[in-house]
Protein backbone atom coordinates (compact mmCIF):
# COMPACT_ATOMS: atom_id res chain seq x y z
CA MET A 1 3.18 28.33 -3.13
CA PHE A 2 2.07 24.89 -4.12
CA GLY A 3 2.09 21.62 -2.28
CA ILE A 4 2.72 18.01 -3.17
CA ALA A 5 1.53 15.23 -0.88
CA ILE A 6 3.32 11.89 -1.02
CA ASP A 7 3.84 8.96 1.32
CA LEU A 8 6.86 10.55 3.04
CA LEU A 9 6.61 8.40 6.16
CA MET A 10 6.03 5.00 4.57
CA LYS A 11 8.75 2.38 4.28
CA ASP A 12 8.01 2.12 0.54
CA VAL A 13 10.52 4.58 -0.88
CA ALA A 14 9.28 4.55 -4.50
CA GLU A 15 7.91 8.11 -4.38
CA ARG A 16 11.01 9.42 -2.61
CA ILE A 17 13.15 7.84 -5.34
CA ARG A 18 10.89 9.12 -8.13
CA LEU A 19 11.25 12.69 -6.83
CA ASN A 20 14.96 12.14 -6.04
CA LEU A 21 14.45 13.61 -2.57
CA GLU A 22 17.73 12.46 -1.02
CA LYS A 23 19.71 14.17 -3.78
CA ALA A 24 17.52 17.29 -3.61
CA MET A 25 18.07 17.79 0.15
CA VAL A 26 19.94 21.00 0.99
CA GLN A 27 19.43 21.20 4.76
CA GLY A 28 17.87 19.00 7.41
CA ARG A 29 16.38 15.58 6.83
CA LEU A 30 13.38 13.80 5.43
CA PRO A 31 10.31 13.86 7.70
CA GLN A 32 10.30 11.06 10.26
CA VAL A 33 7.05 11.73 12.15
CA ALA A 34 3.62 13.09 11.34
CA GLY A 35 3.44 16.86 11.10
CA GLU A 36 6.87 17.39 9.51
CA ILE A 37 7.23 18.90 6.04
CA LEU A 38 9.86 19.75 3.45
CA ILE A 39 9.99 23.13 1.71
CA SER A 40 12.10 24.50 -1.09
CA ASP A 41 15.38 26.03 0.08
CA GLN A 42 14.67 29.30 -1.73
CA LEU A 43 11.23 29.57 -0.11
CA ALA A 44 12.81 29.01 3.31
CA HIS A 45 15.39 31.70 2.58
CA ASN A 46 12.80 34.19 1.25
CA LEU A 47 10.55 33.72 4.29
CA GLY A 48 13.38 33.51 6.82
CA VAL A 49 12.24 30.05 7.95
CA GLN A 50 14.67 27.85 9.89
CA LEU A 51 14.65 24.10 10.40
CA GLY A 52 12.42 23.08 13.30
CA GLU A 53 10.20 26.15 13.02
CA ALA A 54 6.45 26.00 12.62
CA ALA A 55 4.82 26.61 9.25
CA THR A 56 1.06 27.17 9.16
CA LEU A 57 -1.06 25.97 6.26
CA ILE A 58 -4.10 28.16 5.62
CA SER A 59 -6.26 26.65 2.93
CA ALA A 60 -9.74 25.29 2.23
CA THR A 61 -10.98 21.83 3.07
CA ALA A 62 -12.47 19.52 0.48
CA ASN A 63 -15.87 20.75 1.69
CA GLY A 64 -15.03 24.45 1.34
CA SER A 65 -14.44 25.22 5.00
CA MET A 66 -11.35 26.99 6.23
CA ALA A 67 -8.38 24.76 7.06
CA VAL A 68 -5.57 25.81 9.40
CA GLN A 69 -2.85 23.32 10.32
CA ASN A 70 0.63 23.73 11.81
CA PHE A 71 3.58 21.74 10.49
CA THR A 72 7.27 21.62 11.43
CA VAL A 73 9.95 22.24 8.79
CA ALA A 74 12.21 19.16 8.77
CA GLY A 75 14.30 20.00 5.71
CA THR A 76 14.78 22.08 2.61
CA LEU A 77 15.07 20.98 -1.02
CA ARG A 78 16.45 22.18 -4.34
CA PHE A 79 15.19 20.33 -7.42
CA GLY A 80 16.80 22.35 -10.19
CA VAL A 81 13.36 23.30 -11.55
CA SER A 82 12.73 26.99 -10.93
CA ALA A 83 8.97 26.76 -10.20
CA MET A 84 9.55 24.02 -7.63
CA ASP A 85 12.65 25.68 -6.19
CA ARG A 86 10.78 28.93 -5.56
CA ASN A 87 7.56 27.65 -4.03
CA ALA A 88 7.36 23.92 -3.25
CA ILE A 89 6.08 22.35 -0.07
CA LEU A 90 6.11 18.56 0.36
CA VAL A 91 3.88 17.03 3.01
CA ASP A 92 2.93 13.48 3.98
CA LEU A 93 -0.29 12.31 2.34
CA LYS A 94 -1.99 11.34 5.61
CA ASP A 95 -1.16 14.73 7.16
CA ILE A 96 -2.73 16.66 4.31
CA GLN A 97 -5.76 14.35 4.14
CA TYR A 98 -6.36 15.17 7.80
CA ALA A 99 -5.72 18.90 7.41
CA LEU A 100 -7.99 19.26 4.36
CA ASP A 101 -10.74 16.90 5.58
CA MET A 102 -10.03 14.45 2.76
CA ALA A 103 -10.12 11.09 4.57
CA ASP A 104 -9.34 8.32 2.09
CA ALA A 105 -9.21 10.82 -0.79
CA ALA A 106 -6.52 12.25 -3.01
CA GLU A 107 -6.05 14.12 -6.25
CA VAL A 108 -3.82 12.19 -8.61
CA LEU A 109 -1.11 13.51 -10.90
CA GLY A 110 -0.06 11.02 -13.55
CA PHE A 111 3.02 10.86 -15.74
CA PHE A 112 2.72 9.25 -19.16
CA PRO A 113 5.60 8.00 -21.31
CA LYS A 114 4.51 9.97 -24.41
CA ARG A 115 3.56 13.08 -22.39
CA SER A 116 -0.01 13.02 -23.65
CA TYR A 117 -3.24 11.68 -22.25
CA ARG A 118 -5.88 9.94 -24.32
CA GLU A 119 -9.11 9.13 -22.55
CA GLN A 120 -9.64 5.84 -24.41
C-alpha cells in the first residue's frame, strides 16, 4: 500500500480538483473531520473493509520510532490507474503529520510540464 497526504479538510479545493476526487468516488464521501481517510475501492474489497470501519496505520515516524494511528474509512475511490486502484490510501496532511511526528514537515511530489526535472 502507499499513501498520499493532501489538504482534504481545507476549503481550498485545488488538490481535490487536481486528483479529480469527486469523480473518482465509488462509495461514501470525502473526509469531513480529522481522522477520516479514503482508500481505493479494490483495496477495500480485497481487505473486506466497510465504510465507517477503523483502519490502522502501522509505520515509522520521521525519527524512526514506531507509529500506530487509527483512522476511519470515509469513502472509496477508483482512479483508473491500476497501481492507485489496487493500493492507494489518501489521508489529510495534518493527520499524517501528527501520526508520523512530522510537525510542519512534508515530502513534496512535483509535476513538471515536460515530465523531466533539471536542477538548474
